Amino acid sequence: MNNTRTRVCPVERANSLDNKIRKWFQNPGKILAPYIKEGMKVLDVGCGPGFFSIEIAKMVGTDGKVFSADLQEGMLEKVKAKTKGTELENRVIPVKCDKNKINLTEKVDFVLAFYMVHEVPDKASFFNELKTVLKENGEFLIVEPKFFHVSKDAFQSTVNHAEKAGFIAYTGPNLPFSQTVVLRKN
């Protein structure tokens, strides 16, 4: 596989991940409305600058939590800057991941992995760790880019890794330029 497909998006490109044009095509509220309810605990793994984390924090309300997990401290700093001094500051908890570990011990109701699973070198360990973090009957939405970045076969391989870890795969939402799957822990 080409190294650019597994390379993590650098902090310097964070603005390309968080803009109004993207929100038009990938509106977090519309995409996540069927899955996220008030009071939930949600893990946004590979959160980047918080494009989804901020909207999730609004959706889970005052009794919910969002664990914004990323490998790069610079991305987490961008998330912290967005929430500082707002009502979301106590709802969004930054989590610094290691290369092969998410570092979250709290159980969550829902996991979002948007355009990042292709960057994970050890998918078997990734899914096994998420299975321990996700509550019983919890759901996990994976969204990956189509075409050049993640082939249909590579996406199917990801789904196969998830199923081997014990997840059940369901059809995900129809999103432009994306491949999706909803995984459920049972």
C-alpha atoms as a PDB file:
ATOM      1  CA  MET A   1       0.000   0.000   0.000  1.00  0.00           C
ATOM      2  CA  ASN A   2       1.170   3.493  -0.777  1.00  0.00           C
ATOM      3  CA  ASN A   3       2.650   5.244   2.301  1.00  0.00           C
ATOM      4  CA  THR A   4       0.537   8.383   1.706  1.00  0.00           C
ATOM      5  CA  ARG A   5      -2.568   6.321   2.424  1.00  0.00           C
ATOM      6  CA  THR A   6      -1.399   5.407   5.912  1.00  0.00           C
ATOM      7  CA  ARG A   7       0.207   8.732   6.799  1.00  0.00           C
ATOM      8  CA  VAL A   8      -1.584  10.856   9.392  1.00  0.00           C
ATOM      9  CA  CYS A   9      -2.799  14.262   8.210  1.00  0.00           C
ATOM     10  CA  PRO A  10      -0.387  16.847   9.652  1.00  0.00           C
ATOM     11  CA  VAL A  11      -1.526  19.626  11.983  1.00  0.00           C
ATOM     12  CA  GLU A  12      -0.443  22.158   9.361  1.00  0.00           C
ATOM     13  CA  ARG A  13      -3.313  20.937   7.152  1.00  0.00           C
ATOM     14  CA  ALA A  14      -5.936  21.116   9.918  1.00  0.00           C
ATOM     15  CA  ASN A  15      -7.764  24.016   8.247  1.00  0.00           C
ATOM     16  CA  SER A  16      -8.508  21.807   5.247  1.00  0.00           C
ATOM     17  CA  LEU A  17     -10.336  19.451   7.624  1.00  0.00           C
ATOM     18  CA  ASP A  18     -12.426  22.151   9.260  1.00  0.00           C
ATOM     19  CA  ASN A  19     -14.184  24.554   6.922  1.00  0.00           C
ATOM     20  CA  LYS A  20     -17.631  25.655   5.766  1.00  0.00           C
ATOM     21  CA  ILE A  21     -17.367  23.952   2.391  1.00  0.00           C
ATOM     22  CA  ARG A  22     -16.743  20.594   4.054  1.00  0.00           C
ATOM     23  CA  LYS A  23     -19.725  21.170   6.337  1.00  0.00           C
ATOM     24  CA  TRP A  24     -21.883  21.479   3.255  1.00  0.00           C
ATOM     25  CA  PHE A  25     -20.905  17.971   2.055  1.00  0.00           C
ATOM     26  CA  GLN A  26     -20.275  16.350   5.440  1.00  0.00           C
ATOM     27  CA  ASN A  27     -22.642  18.018   7.884  1.00  0.00           C
ATOM     28  CA  PRO A  28     -21.933  16.430  11.295  1.00  0.00           C
ATOM     29  CA  GLY A  29     -25.433  17.070  12.635  1.00  0.00           C
ATOM     30  CA  LYS A  30     -27.140  15.422   9.668  1.00  0.00           C
ATOM     31  CA  ILE A  31     -24.737  12.486   9.484  1.00  0.00           C
ATOM     32  CA  LEU A  32     -24.800  11.697  13.205  1.00  0.00           C
ATOM     33  CA  ALA A  33     -28.434  12.504  14.126  1.00  0.00           C
ATOM     34  CA  PRO A  34     -29.587   8.870  13.773  1.00  0.00           C
ATOM     35  CA  TYR A  35     -26.875   7.649  16.155  1.00  0.00           C
ATOM     36  CA  ILE A  36     -26.272  10.249  18.858  1.00  0.00           C
ATOM     37  CA  LYS A  37     -28.701  11.191  21.621  1.00  0.00           C
ATOM     38  CA  GLU A  38     -28.538  13.478  24.625  1.00  0.00           C
ATOM     39  CA  GLY A  39     -26.605  12.087  27.561  1.00  0.00           C
ATOM     40  CA  MET A  40     -24.426   9.763  25.494  1.00  0.00           C
ATOM     41  CA  LYS A  41     -20.694   9.296  25.826  1.00  0.00           C
ATOM     42  CA  VAL A  42     -19.062   9.403  22.397  1.00  0.00           C
ATOM     43  CA  LEU A  43     -15.531   8.710  21.194  1.00  0.00           C
ATOM     44  CA  ASP A  44     -14.407  10.715  18.159  1.00  0.00           C
ATOM     45  CA  VAL A  45     -11.265   8.772  17.307  1.00  0.00           C
ATOM     46  CA  GLY A  46      -8.855  10.601  15.018  1.00  0.00           C
ATOM     47  CA  CYS A  47     -10.728  13.808  15.813  1.00  0.00           C
ATOM     48  CA  GLY A  48      -8.293  16.144  14.060  1.00  0.00           C
ATOM     49  CA  PRO A  49      -9.197  19.788  14.764  1.00  0.00           C
ATOM     50  CA  GLY A  50     -12.630  18.810  16.130  1.00  0.00           C
ATOM     51  CA  PHE A  51     -14.839  19.182  13.058  1.00  0.00           C
ATOM     52  CA  PHE A  52     -17.141  16.446  14.387  1.00  0.00           C
ATOM     53  CA  SER A  53     -16.311  16.722  18.116  1.00  0.00           C
ATOM     54  CA  ILE A  54     -17.813  20.188  18.497  1.00  0.00           C
ATOM     55  CA  GLU A  55     -21.114  19.220  16.882  1.00  0.00           C
ATOM     56  CA  ILE A  56     -21.221  15.961  18.843  1.00  0.00           C
ATOM     57  CA  ALA A  57     -20.774  17.934  22.074  1.00  0.00           C
ATOM     58  CA  LYS A  58     -23.845  19.995  21.201  1.00  0.00           C
ATOM     59  CA  MET A  59     -25.817  16.833  20.416  1.00  0.00           C
ATOM     60  CA  VAL A  60     -24.999  14.993  23.666  1.00  0.00           C
ATOM     61  CA  GLY A  61     -26.077  17.961  25.787  1.00  0.00           C
ATOM     62  CA  THR A  62     -25.004  18.876  29.292  1.00  0.00           C
ATOM     63  CA  ASP A  63     -25.123  15.294  30.584  1.00  0.00           C
ATOM     64  CA  GLY A  64     -23.058  13.836  27.737  1.00  0.00           C
ATOM     65  CA  LYS A  65     -19.332  13.657  27.028  1.00  0.00           C
ATOM     66  CA  VAL A  66     -17.188  13.600  23.918  1.00  0.00           C
ATOM     67  CA  PHE A  67     -13.749  12.031  24.055  1.00  0.00           C
ATOM     68  CA  SER A  68     -11.773  13.666  21.259  1.00  0.00           C
ATOM     69  CA  ALA A  69      -8.867  11.324  20.596  1.00  0.00           C
ATOM     70  CA  ASP A  70      -5.925  12.052  18.333  1.00  0.00           C
ATOM     71  CA  LEU A  71      -2.257  11.115  17.931  1.00  0.00           C
ATOM     72  CA  GLN A  72      -1.169  14.706  17.521  1.00  0.00           C
ATOM     73  CA  GLU A  73      -1.084  17.102  20.429  1.00  0.00           C
ATOM     74  CA  GLY A  74      -1.416  19.980  17.954  1.00  0.00           C
ATOM     75  CA  MET A  75      -4.829  18.711  16.834  1.00  0.00           C
ATOM     76  CA  LEU A  76      -5.951  18.366  20.447  1.00  0.00           C
ATOM     77  CA  GLU A  77      -4.803  21.929  21.114  1.00  0.00           C
ATOM     78  CA  LYS A  78      -7.061  23.112  18.279  1.00  0.00           C
ATOM     79  CA  VAL A  79     -10.005  21.283  19.852  1.00  0.00           C
ATOM     80  CA  LYS A  80      -9.232  22.810  23.271  1.00  0.00           C
ATOM     81  CA  ALA A  81      -9.016  26.302  21.740  1.00  0.00           C
ATOM     82  CA  LYS A  82     -12.475  25.893  20.171  1.00  0.00           C
ATOM     83  CA  THR A  83     -14.110  24.928  23.453  1.00  0.00           C
ATOM     84  CA  LYS A  84     -12.188  27.158  25.857  1.00  0.00           C
ATOM     85  CA  GLY A  85     -14.541  29.452  27.732  1.00  0.00           C
ATOM     86  CA  THR A  86     -17.677  27.915  26.193  1.00  0.00           C
ATOM     87  CA  GLU A  87     -20.346  25.616  27.571  1.00  0.00           C
ATOM     88  CA  LEU A  88     -18.661  22.804  25.617  1.00  0.00           C
ATOM     89  CA  GLU A  89     -15.376  23.020  27.524  1.00  0.00           C
ATOM     90  CA  ASN A  90     -16.450  20.463  30.154  1.00  0.00           C
ATOM     91  CA  ARG A  91     -18.120  18.161  27.621  1.00  0.00           C
ATOM     92  CA  VAL A  92     -15.161  17.712  25.267  1.00  0.00           C
ATOM     93  CA  ILE A  93     -12.344  15.697  26.820  1.00  0.00           C
ATOM     94  CA  PRO A  94      -9.115  15.553  24.775  1.00  0.00           C
ATOM     95  CA  VAL A  95      -7.441  12.126  24.716  1.00  0.00           C
ATOM     96  CA  LYS A  96      -3.855  11.769  23.505  1.00  0.00           C
ATOM     97  CA  CYS A  97      -3.460   8.500  21.618  1.00  0.00           C
ATOM     98  CA  ASP A  98      -0.265   6.544  21.208  1.00  0.00           C
ATOM     99  CA  LYS A  99       0.689   5.049  17.858  1.00  0.00           C
ATOM    100  CA  ASN A 100      -0.928   1.722  18.761  1.00  0.00           C
ATOM    101  CA  LYS A 101      -3.303   2.622  21.603  1.00  0.00           C
ATOM    102  CA  ILE A 102      -6.234   4.992  21.991  1.00  0.00           C
ATOM    103  CA  ASN A 103      -5.715   5.367  25.771  1.00  0.00           C
ATOM    104  CA  LEU A 104      -9.360   5.531  26.781  1.00  0.00           C
ATOM    105  CA  THR A 105     -10.620   3.396  29.642  1.00  0.00           C
ATOM    106  CA  GLU A 106     -14.114   4.866  29.979  1.00  0.00           C
ATOM    107  CA  LYS A 107     -16.955   3.041  28.242  1.00  0.00           C
ATOM    108  CA  VAL A 108     -18.779   4.873  25.438  1.00  0.00           C
ATOM    109  CA  ASP A 109     -22.124   4.498  23.673  1.00  0.00           C
ATOM    110  CA  PHE A 110     -20.895   5.440  20.218  1.00  0.00           C
ATOM    111  CA  VAL A 111     -17.614   5.635  18.304  1.00  0.00           C
ATOM    112  CA  LEU A 112     -16.953   7.739  15.217  1.00  0.00           C
ATOM    113  CA  ALA A 113     -13.950   7.073  12.979  1.00  0.00           C
ATOM    114  CA  PHE A 114     -14.221   9.498  10.078  1.00  0.00           C
ATOM    115  CA  TYR A 115     -11.606   9.242   7.311  1.00  0.00           C
ATOM    116  CA  MET A 116      -8.975   7.789   9.634  1.00  0.00           C
ATOM    117  CA  VAL A 117      -9.117   3.977   9.820  1.00  0.00           C
ATOM    118  CA  HIS A 118      -6.951   3.714   6.680  1.00  0.00           C
ATOM    119  CA  GLU A 119      -4.215   5.458   8.740  1.00  0.00           C
ATOM    120  CA  VAL A 120      -4.213   2.715  11.408  1.00  0.00           C
ATOM    121  CA  PRO A 121      -1.277   0.317  10.931  1.00  0.00           C
ATOM    122  CA  ASP A 122      -2.643  -2.518  13.127  1.00  0.00           C
ATOM    123  CA  LYS A 123      -6.356  -2.747  12.453  1.00  0.00           C
ATOM    124  CA  ALA A 124      -6.823  -5.965  14.441  1.00  0.00           C
ATOM    125  CA  SER A 125      -5.540  -4.306  17.634  1.00  0.00           C
ATOM    126  CA  PHE A 126      -7.520  -1.147  16.864  1.00  0.00           C
ATOM    127  CA  PHE A 127     -10.830  -3.013  16.631  1.00  0.00           C
ATOM    128  CA  ASN A 128     -10.066  -5.178  19.651  1.00  0.00           C
ATOM    129  CA  GLU A 129      -9.374  -2.072  21.747  1.00  0.00           C
ATOM    130  CA  LEU A 130     -12.543  -0.369  20.550  1.00  0.00           C
ATOM    131  CA  LYS A 131     -14.547  -3.454  21.406  1.00  0.00           C
ATOM    132  CA  THR A 132     -13.421  -3.096  25.038  1.00  0.00           C
ATOM    133  CA  VAL A 133     -14.288   0.639  25.088  1.00  0.00           C
ATOM    134  CA  LEU A 134     -17.722   0.362  23.455  1.00  0.00           C
ATOM    135  CA  LYS A 135     -20.693  -0.475  25.691  1.00  0.00           C
ATOM    136  CA  GLU A 136     -22.863  -3.519  24.960  1.00  0.00           C
ATOM    137  CA  ASN A 137     -25.122  -2.767  21.977  1.00  0.00           C
ATOM    138  CA  GLY A 138     -23.027   0.330  21.264  1.00  0.00           C
ATOM    139  CA  GLU A 139     -22.522   1.447  17.682  1.00  0.00           C
ATOM    140  CA  PHE A 140     -19.454   2.454  15.724  1.00  0.00           C
ATOM    141  CA  LEU A 141     -19.592   4.424  12.460  1.00  0.00           C
ATOM    142  CA  ILE A 142     -16.671   4.161  10.073  1.00  0.00           C
ATOM    143  CA  VAL A 143     -16.485   6.525   7.116  1.00  0.00           C
ATOM    144  CA  GLU A 144     -13.624   6.266   4.646  1.00  0.00           C
ATOM    145  CA  PRO A 145     -12.868   8.168   1.421  1.00  0.00           C
ATOM    146  CA  LYS A 146     -13.602   6.402  -1.854  1.00  0.00           C
ATOM    147  CA  PHE A 147     -11.505   5.916  -4.928  1.00  0.00           C
ATOM    148  CA  PHE A 148      -7.827   6.854  -4.767  1.00  0.00           C
ATOM    149  CA  HIS A 149      -7.409   6.899  -1.005  1.00  0.00           C
ATOM    150  CA  VAL A 150      -9.228   3.730   0.062  1.00  0.00           C
ATOM    151  CA  SER A 151     -10.150   1.150  -2.541  1.00  0.00           C
ATOM    152  CA  LYS A 152     -13.301  -0.947  -2.298  1.00  0.00           C
ATOM    153  CA  ASP A 153     -11.146  -3.982  -1.451  1.00  0.00           C
ATOM    154  CA  ALA A 154      -9.229  -2.100   1.248  1.00  0.00           C
ATOM    155  CA  PHE A 155     -12.510  -0.952   2.789  1.00  0.00           C
ATOM    156  CA  GLN A 156     -13.851  -4.505   2.739  1.00  0.00           C
ATOM    157  CA  SER A 157     -10.639  -5.640   4.443  1.00  0.00           C
ATOM    158  CA  THR A 158     -11.306  -3.087   7.193  1.00  0.00           C
ATOM    159  CA  VAL A 159     -14.844  -4.436   7.625  1.00  0.00           C
ATOM    160  CA  ASN A 160     -13.432  -7.982   7.766  1.00  0.00           C
ATOM    161  CA  HIS A 161     -11.021  -6.959  10.561  1.00  0.00           C
ATOM    162  CA  ALA A 162     -13.946  -5.480  12.485  1.00  0.00           C
ATOM    163  CA  GLU A 163     -16.023  -8.626  12.083  1.00  0.00           C
ATOM    164  CA  LYS A 164     -13.106 -10.798  13.244  1.00  0.00           C
ATOM    165  CA  ALA A 165     -12.965  -8.641  16.386  1.00  0.00           C
ATOM    166  CA  GLY A 166     -16.623  -9.507  17.030  1.00  0.00           C
ATOM    167  CA  PHE A 167     -18.513  -6.577  15.518  1.00  0.00           C
ATOM    168  CA  ILE A 168     -21.592  -7.016  13.362  1.00  0.00           C
ATOM    169  CA  ALA A 169     -21.544  -4.872  10.209  1.00  0.00           C
ATOM    170  CA  TYR A 170     -24.592  -2.990   8.911  1.00  0.00           C
ATOM    171  CA  THR A 171     -25.090  -0.646   5.988  1.00  0.00           C
ATOM    172  CA  GLY A 172     -23.970   2.858   6.873  1.00  0.00           C
ATOM    173  CA  PRO A 173     -25.345   6.192   5.682  1.00  0.00           C
ATOM    174  CA  ASN A 174     -24.992   7.185   2.045  1.00  0.00           C
ATOM    175  CA  LEU A 175     -22.406   9.988   1.932  1.00  0.00           C
ATOM    176  CA  PRO A 176     -20.849  11.580  -1.151  1.00  0.00           C
ATOM    177  CA  PHE A 177     -17.318  10.432  -1.995  1.00  0.00           C
ATOM    178  CA  SER A 178     -17.371   8.020   0.968  1.00  0.00           C
ATOM    179  CA  GLN A 179     -17.697   4.395   1.990  1.00  0.00           C
ATOM    180  CA  THR A 180     -19.503   3.745   5.261  1.00  0.00           C
ATOM    181  CA  VAL A 181     -20.325   0.959   7.663  1.00  0.00           C
ATOM    182  CA  VAL A 182     -22.046   0.853  11.020  1.00  0.00           C
ATOM    183  CA  LEU A 183     -20.656  -1.706  13.413  1.00  0.00           C
ATOM    184  CA  ARG A 184     -22.544  -2.960  16.432  1.00  0.00           C
ATOM    185  CA  LYS A 185     -21.171  -4.676  19.470  1.00  0.00           C
ATOM    186  CA  ASN A 186     -23.437  -7.410  20.756  1.00  0.00           C
END
